[in-house]
N, C-alpha and C. Protein backbone atom coordinates (compact mmCIF):
# COMPACT_ATOMS: atom_id res chain seq x y z
N UNK A 1 91.37 -36.37 77.59
CA UNK A 1 91.48 -35.05 76.99
C UNK A 1 92.46 -35.07 75.81
N UNK A 2 93.52 -35.81 75.93
CA UNK A 2 94.50 -35.90 74.86
C UNK A 2 93.88 -36.51 73.59
N UNK A 3 93.04 -37.52 73.77
CA UNK A 3 92.37 -38.17 72.63
C UNK A 3 91.42 -37.20 71.95
N UNK A 4 90.73 -36.39 72.74
CA UNK A 4 89.82 -35.40 72.17
C UNK A 4 90.55 -34.41 71.28
N UNK A 5 91.73 -33.98 71.72
CA UNK A 5 92.53 -33.03 70.93
C UNK A 5 92.98 -33.67 69.62
N UNK A 6 93.41 -34.92 69.68
CA UNK A 6 93.82 -35.61 68.46
C UNK A 6 92.65 -35.79 67.51
N UNK A 7 91.49 -36.09 68.04
CA UNK A 7 90.29 -36.26 67.20
C UNK A 7 89.97 -34.95 66.49
N UNK A 8 90.08 -33.83 67.21
CA UNK A 8 89.81 -32.53 66.60
C UNK A 8 90.82 -32.24 65.48
N UNK A 9 92.08 -32.59 65.71
CA UNK A 9 93.10 -32.37 64.69
C UNK A 9 92.80 -33.20 63.43
N UNK A 10 92.41 -34.45 63.67
CA UNK A 10 92.08 -35.33 62.53
C UNK A 10 90.88 -34.81 61.78
N UNK A 11 89.85 -34.36 62.51
CA UNK A 11 88.67 -33.83 61.87
C UNK A 11 88.97 -32.56 61.08
N UNK A 12 89.84 -31.72 61.64
CA UNK A 12 90.22 -30.48 60.96
C UNK A 12 90.99 -30.80 59.67
N UNK A 13 91.91 -31.76 59.77
CA UNK A 13 92.69 -32.18 58.59
C UNK A 13 91.77 -32.76 57.53
N UNK A 14 90.84 -33.61 57.96
CA UNK A 14 89.89 -34.24 57.03
C UNK A 14 89.04 -33.19 56.35
N UNK A 15 88.60 -32.22 57.10
CA UNK A 15 87.75 -31.14 56.54
C UNK A 15 88.53 -30.35 55.49
N UNK A 16 89.82 -30.05 55.80
CA UNK A 16 90.63 -29.31 54.85
C UNK A 16 90.84 -30.11 53.57
N UNK A 17 91.06 -31.42 53.71
CA UNK A 17 91.27 -32.26 52.52
C UNK A 17 90.00 -32.28 51.66
N UNK A 18 88.84 -32.38 52.29
CA UNK A 18 87.57 -32.38 51.54
C UNK A 18 87.39 -31.07 50.80
N UNK A 19 87.66 -29.96 51.51
CA UNK A 19 87.52 -28.65 50.86
C UNK A 19 88.48 -28.49 49.70
N UNK A 20 89.71 -29.00 49.87
CA UNK A 20 90.69 -28.93 48.80
C UNK A 20 90.24 -29.76 47.61
N UNK A 21 89.66 -30.92 47.88
CA UNK A 21 89.15 -31.78 46.80
C UNK A 21 88.02 -31.09 46.04
N UNK A 22 87.12 -30.47 46.78
CA UNK A 22 85.99 -29.75 46.13
C UNK A 22 86.53 -28.61 45.27
N UNK A 23 87.50 -27.87 45.80
CA UNK A 23 88.07 -26.74 45.05
C UNK A 23 88.71 -27.22 43.77
N UNK A 24 89.47 -28.29 43.84
CA UNK A 24 90.13 -28.81 42.65
C UNK A 24 89.11 -29.31 41.63
N UNK A 25 88.03 -29.90 42.12
CA UNK A 25 86.97 -30.38 41.23
C UNK A 25 86.34 -29.20 40.49
N UNK A 26 86.04 -28.13 41.22
CA UNK A 26 85.45 -26.94 40.61
C UNK A 26 86.41 -26.31 39.60
N UNK A 27 87.69 -26.25 39.96
CA UNK A 27 88.69 -25.69 39.03
C UNK A 27 88.75 -26.53 37.76
N UNK A 28 88.63 -27.82 37.91
CA UNK A 28 88.63 -28.73 36.76
C UNK A 28 87.46 -28.47 35.84
N UNK A 29 86.29 -28.23 36.44
CA UNK A 29 85.10 -27.95 35.64
C UNK A 29 85.28 -26.64 34.85
N UNK A 30 85.85 -25.64 35.52
CA UNK A 30 86.07 -24.34 34.86
C UNK A 30 87.03 -24.49 33.70
N UNK A 31 88.15 -25.21 33.92
CA UNK A 31 89.13 -25.40 32.85
C UNK A 31 88.55 -26.16 31.68
N UNK A 32 87.73 -27.16 31.98
CA UNK A 32 87.10 -27.94 30.92
C UNK A 32 86.20 -27.05 30.08
N UNK A 33 85.41 -26.22 30.74
CA UNK A 33 84.50 -25.30 30.06
C UNK A 33 85.29 -24.30 29.21
N UNK A 34 86.37 -23.74 29.77
CA UNK A 34 87.18 -22.77 29.02
C UNK A 34 87.82 -23.41 27.80
N UNK A 35 88.33 -24.61 27.97
CA UNK A 35 88.96 -25.29 26.84
C UNK A 35 87.95 -25.54 25.74
N UNK A 36 86.75 -25.95 26.10
CA UNK A 36 85.69 -26.20 25.13
C UNK A 36 85.33 -24.92 24.37
N UNK A 37 85.21 -23.81 25.12
CA UNK A 37 84.87 -22.53 24.48
C UNK A 37 86.00 -22.08 23.55
N UNK A 38 87.23 -22.26 23.99
CA UNK A 38 88.35 -21.88 23.12
C UNK A 38 88.33 -22.70 21.83
N UNK A 39 88.03 -23.96 21.96
CA UNK A 39 87.97 -24.83 20.79
C UNK A 39 86.90 -24.32 19.81
N UNK A 40 85.74 -23.95 20.35
CA UNK A 40 84.65 -23.46 19.49
C UNK A 40 85.02 -22.14 18.82
N UNK A 41 85.61 -21.21 19.58
CA UNK A 41 85.89 -19.89 19.04
C UNK A 41 87.12 -19.84 18.17
N UNK A 42 88.10 -20.70 18.42
CA UNK A 42 89.32 -20.65 17.63
C UNK A 42 89.20 -21.38 16.29
N UNK A 43 88.31 -22.32 16.21
CA UNK A 43 88.20 -23.11 14.97
C UNK A 43 87.95 -22.22 13.74
N UNK A 44 86.98 -21.30 13.79
CA UNK A 44 86.77 -20.41 12.61
C UNK A 44 88.00 -19.54 12.33
N UNK A 45 88.68 -19.10 13.37
CA UNK A 45 89.87 -18.27 13.16
C UNK A 45 90.99 -19.06 12.51
N UNK A 46 91.13 -20.32 12.87
CA UNK A 46 92.18 -21.16 12.28
C UNK A 46 91.90 -21.41 10.79
N UNK A 47 90.64 -21.46 10.42
CA UNK A 47 90.29 -21.66 9.00
C UNK A 47 90.75 -20.49 8.15
N UNK A 48 90.78 -19.30 8.75
CA UNK A 48 91.16 -18.11 8.00
C UNK A 48 92.65 -18.07 7.70
N UNK A 49 93.44 -18.80 8.45
CA UNK A 49 94.90 -18.76 8.25
C UNK A 49 95.33 -19.56 7.04
């Protein structure tokens, strides 16, 4: 029974780590997209200065 509890804890920890990794990956995609859009939209404005 003790081993079963430890296995559940390990699985829970592993699941949290995977979810955290997925979340960070998605956040990275969003930041990359935002940076690209800013680059596109700011370039014409910078020419005006």
